[in-house]
């Protein structure tokens, strides 16, 4: 029998994982984007793209993490819980020179971070 309590991450472990996400996202250069999955792989947590999203969603109001540089694997801006944040993210990316196609997708071959 599997003890489900051992499957639940300790809050300190989650906090340290979030800090790894934040440290990696800080390395994305201006004018480049990374995917959630790419960040997960780079921090040694492949197949945990969703956790990267959770970490970015948990950012406090005052932070220095360029969260807007992380997009989904299709080169699209993922939906946010706060209305209007998708548009805000797009504006931030466009200000950095990121270009979008007609269907709202970033030209990933041109703008993906080659980490």
C-alpha atoms as a PDB file:
ATOM      1  CA  UNK A   1       0.000   0.000   0.000  1.00  0.00           C
ATOM      2  CA  UNK A   2       1.324   3.422  -0.958  1.00  0.00           C
ATOM      3  CA  UNK A   3       1.362   6.026   1.751  1.00  0.00           C
ATOM      4  CA  UNK A   4      -0.099   9.100   0.062  1.00  0.00           C
ATOM      5  CA  UNK A   5       1.493  11.314   2.697  1.00  0.00           C
ATOM      6  CA  UNK A   6       4.916  10.524   1.235  1.00  0.00           C
ATOM      7  CA  UNK A   7       3.714  11.773  -2.156  1.00  0.00           C
ATOM      8  CA  UNK A   8       2.904  15.254  -0.842  1.00  0.00           C
ATOM      9  CA  UNK A   9       5.769  17.724  -1.154  1.00  0.00           C
ATOM     10  CA  UNK A  10       6.959  19.402   2.015  1.00  0.00           C
ATOM     11  CA  UNK A  11       6.316  23.187   1.933  1.00  0.00           C
ATOM     12  CA  UNK A  12      10.052  23.926   2.305  1.00  0.00           C
ATOM     13  CA  UNK A  13      10.776  21.668  -0.670  1.00  0.00           C
ATOM     14  CA  UNK A  14       8.229  23.543  -2.773  1.00  0.00           C
ATOM     15  CA  UNK A  15       9.719  26.852  -1.697  1.00  0.00           C
ATOM     16  CA  UNK A  16      13.204  25.765  -2.740  1.00  0.00           C
ATOM     17  CA  UNK A  17      11.848  24.471  -6.071  1.00  0.00           C
ATOM     18  CA  UNK A  18      10.153  27.813  -6.663  1.00  0.00           C
ATOM     19  CA  UNK A  19      13.445  29.581  -5.927  1.00  0.00           C
ATOM     20  CA  UNK A  20      15.132  27.399  -8.572  1.00  0.00           C
ATOM     21  CA  UNK A  21      12.451  28.412 -11.072  1.00  0.00           C
ATOM     22  CA  UNK A  22      12.902  32.095 -10.233  1.00  0.00           C
ATOM     23  CA  UNK A  23      16.694  31.885 -10.521  1.00  0.00           C
ATOM     24  CA  UNK A  24      16.445  30.248 -13.944  1.00  0.00           C
ATOM     25  CA  UNK A  25      13.810  32.669 -15.258  1.00  0.00           C
ATOM     26  CA  UNK A  26      16.029  35.588 -14.183  1.00  0.00           C
ATOM     27  CA  UNK A  27      18.628  34.267 -16.632  1.00  0.00           C
ATOM     28  CA  UNK A  28      16.386  34.573 -19.694  1.00  0.00           C
ATOM     29  CA  UNK A  29      17.817  37.506 -21.634  1.00  0.00           C
ATOM     30  CA  UNK A  30      15.715  40.436 -22.741  1.00  0.00           C
ATOM     31  CA  UNK A  31      14.272  39.794 -26.188  1.00  0.00           C
ATOM     32  CA  UNK A  32      14.122  36.014 -25.661  1.00  0.00           C
ATOM     33  CA  UNK A  33      11.503  33.620 -24.337  1.00  0.00           C
ATOM     34  CA  UNK A  34      11.567  30.172 -22.769  1.00  0.00           C
ATOM     35  CA  UNK A  35       8.851  27.568 -22.389  1.00  0.00           C
ATOM     36  CA  UNK A  36       7.543  26.230 -19.106  1.00  0.00           C
ATOM     37  CA  UNK A  37       8.929  22.825 -20.037  1.00  0.00           C
ATOM     38  CA  UNK A  38      12.322  24.256 -20.930  1.00  0.00           C
ATOM     39  CA  UNK A  39      12.613  25.894 -17.505  1.00  0.00           C
ATOM     40  CA  UNK A  40      11.542  22.640 -15.840  1.00  0.00           C
ATOM     41  CA  UNK A  41      14.268  20.708 -17.701  1.00  0.00           C
ATOM     42  CA  UNK A  42      16.905  23.316 -16.920  1.00  0.00           C
ATOM     43  CA  UNK A  43      16.244  23.068 -13.175  1.00  0.00           C
ATOM     44  CA  UNK A  44      16.412  19.281 -13.302  1.00  0.00           C
ATOM     45  CA  UNK A  45      12.654  18.692 -13.150  1.00  0.00           C
ATOM     46  CA  UNK A  46      11.693  17.448 -16.623  1.00  0.00           C
ATOM     47  CA  UNK A  47       7.985  16.869 -17.162  1.00  0.00           C
ATOM     48  CA  UNK A  48       7.098  19.417 -14.469  1.00  0.00           C
ATOM     49  CA  UNK A  49       6.150  22.354 -16.680  1.00  0.00           C
ATOM     50  CA  UNK A  50       2.934  22.906 -14.747  1.00  0.00           C
ATOM     51  CA  UNK A  51       4.912  23.389 -11.522  1.00  0.00           C
ATOM     52  CA  UNK A  52       6.894  26.135 -13.255  1.00  0.00           C
ATOM     53  CA  UNK A  53       3.579  27.840 -13.967  1.00  0.00           C
ATOM     54  CA  UNK A  54       2.520  27.439 -10.345  1.00  0.00           C
ATOM     55  CA  UNK A  55       5.790  28.978  -9.182  1.00  0.00           C
ATOM     56  CA  UNK A  56       5.379  31.988 -11.468  1.00  0.00           C
ATOM     57  CA  UNK A  57       1.761  32.411 -10.403  1.00  0.00           C
ATOM     58  CA  UNK A  58       2.930  32.490  -6.777  1.00  0.00           C
ATOM     59  CA  UNK A  59       5.294  35.437  -7.285  1.00  0.00           C
ATOM     60  CA  UNK A  60       4.782  38.195  -4.738  1.00  0.00           C
ATOM     61  CA  UNK A  61       3.809  41.696  -5.910  1.00  0.00           C
ATOM     62  CA  UNK A  62       7.353  43.031  -5.464  1.00  0.00           C
ATOM     63  CA  UNK A  63       9.803  40.844  -7.388  1.00  0.00           C
ATOM     64  CA  UNK A  64      12.500  41.010 -10.049  1.00  0.00           C
ATOM     65  CA  UNK A  65      11.574  37.865 -11.991  1.00  0.00           C
ATOM     66  CA  UNK A  66      10.832  38.481 -15.702  1.00  0.00           C
ATOM     67  CA  UNK A  67       7.853  36.100 -15.659  1.00  0.00           C
ATOM     68  CA  UNK A  68       6.589  37.498 -18.956  1.00  0.00           C
ATOM     69  CA  UNK A  69       9.423  35.732 -20.829  1.00  0.00           C
ATOM     70  CA  UNK A  70       7.930  32.296 -20.156  1.00  0.00           C
ATOM     71  CA  UNK A  71       5.354  31.022 -22.653  1.00  0.00           C
ATOM     72  CA  UNK A  72       3.840  27.695 -23.595  1.00  0.00           C
ATOM     73  CA  UNK A  73       5.428  25.235 -26.001  1.00  0.00           C
ATOM     74  CA  UNK A  74       3.297  26.519 -28.888  1.00  0.00           C
ATOM     75  CA  UNK A  75       4.746  30.001 -28.454  1.00  0.00           C
ATOM     76  CA  UNK A  76       1.488  31.274 -27.042  1.00  0.00           C
ATOM     77  CA  UNK A  77       0.781  33.264 -23.932  1.00  0.00           C
ATOM     78  CA  UNK A  78      -1.002  31.037 -21.452  1.00  0.00           C
ATOM     79  CA  UNK A  79      -4.260  32.116 -19.850  1.00  0.00           C
ATOM     80  CA  UNK A  80      -3.997  33.878 -16.506  1.00  0.00           C
ATOM     81  CA  UNK A  81      -6.340  34.009 -13.560  1.00  0.00           C
ATOM     82  CA  UNK A  82      -6.197  37.821 -13.548  1.00  0.00           C
ATOM     83  CA  UNK A  83      -8.167  39.356 -16.420  1.00  0.00           C
ATOM     84  CA  UNK A  84      -6.054  41.344 -18.866  1.00  0.00           C
ATOM     85  CA  UNK A  85      -2.719  39.796 -17.907  1.00  0.00           C
ATOM     86  CA  UNK A  86      -2.377  38.029 -21.264  1.00  0.00           C
ATOM     87  CA  UNK A  87      -2.496  41.422 -23.003  1.00  0.00           C
ATOM     88  CA  UNK A  88      -0.074  42.871 -20.449  1.00  0.00           C
ATOM     89  CA  UNK A  89       2.371  40.019 -21.045  1.00  0.00           C
ATOM     90  CA  UNK A  90       2.173  40.533 -24.798  1.00  0.00           C
ATOM     91  CA  UNK A  91       2.875  44.257 -24.404  1.00  0.00           C
ATOM     92  CA  UNK A  92       5.932  43.515 -22.233  1.00  0.00           C
ATOM     93  CA  UNK A  93       7.242  41.024 -24.785  1.00  0.00           C
ATOM     94  CA  UNK A  94       6.645  43.342 -27.733  1.00  0.00           C
ATOM     95  CA  UNK A  95       8.496  46.117 -25.900  1.00  0.00           C
ATOM     96  CA  UNK A  96      11.489  43.741 -25.823  1.00  0.00           C
ATOM     97  CA  UNK A  97      11.246  43.162 -29.579  1.00  0.00           C
ATOM     98  CA  UNK A  98       9.439  39.816 -29.502  1.00  0.00           C
ATOM     99  CA  UNK A  99       7.268  39.386 -32.595  1.00  0.00           C
ATOM    100  CA  UNK A 100       3.948  37.574 -32.839  1.00  0.00           C
ATOM    101  CA  UNK A 101       2.341  35.957 -35.868  1.00  0.00           C
ATOM    102  CA  UNK A 102      -1.207  36.433 -37.025  1.00  0.00           C
ATOM    103  CA  UNK A 103      -2.520  33.748 -34.668  1.00  0.00           C
ATOM    104  CA  UNK A 104      -0.868  35.244 -31.589  1.00  0.00           C
ATOM    105  CA  UNK A 105       2.096  32.883 -31.591  1.00  0.00           C
ATOM    106  CA  UNK A 106       5.680  33.946 -31.071  1.00  0.00           C
ATOM    107  CA  UNK A 107       8.155  33.005 -33.781  1.00  0.00           C
ATOM    108  CA  UNK A 108       9.925  30.531 -31.488  1.00  0.00           C
ATOM    109  CA  UNK A 109      12.749  29.683 -33.903  1.00  0.00           C
ATOM    110  CA  UNK A 110      13.773  33.287 -33.776  1.00  0.00           C
ATOM    111  CA  UNK A 111      13.085  34.200 -30.154  1.00  0.00           C
ATOM    112  CA  UNK A 112      13.525  31.084 -28.011  1.00  0.00           C
ATOM    113  CA  UNK A 113      16.315  31.269 -25.456  1.00  0.00           C
ATOM    114  CA  UNK A 114      19.132  28.935 -26.390  1.00  0.00           C
ATOM    115  CA  UNK A 115      20.125  27.978 -22.852  1.00  0.00           C
END
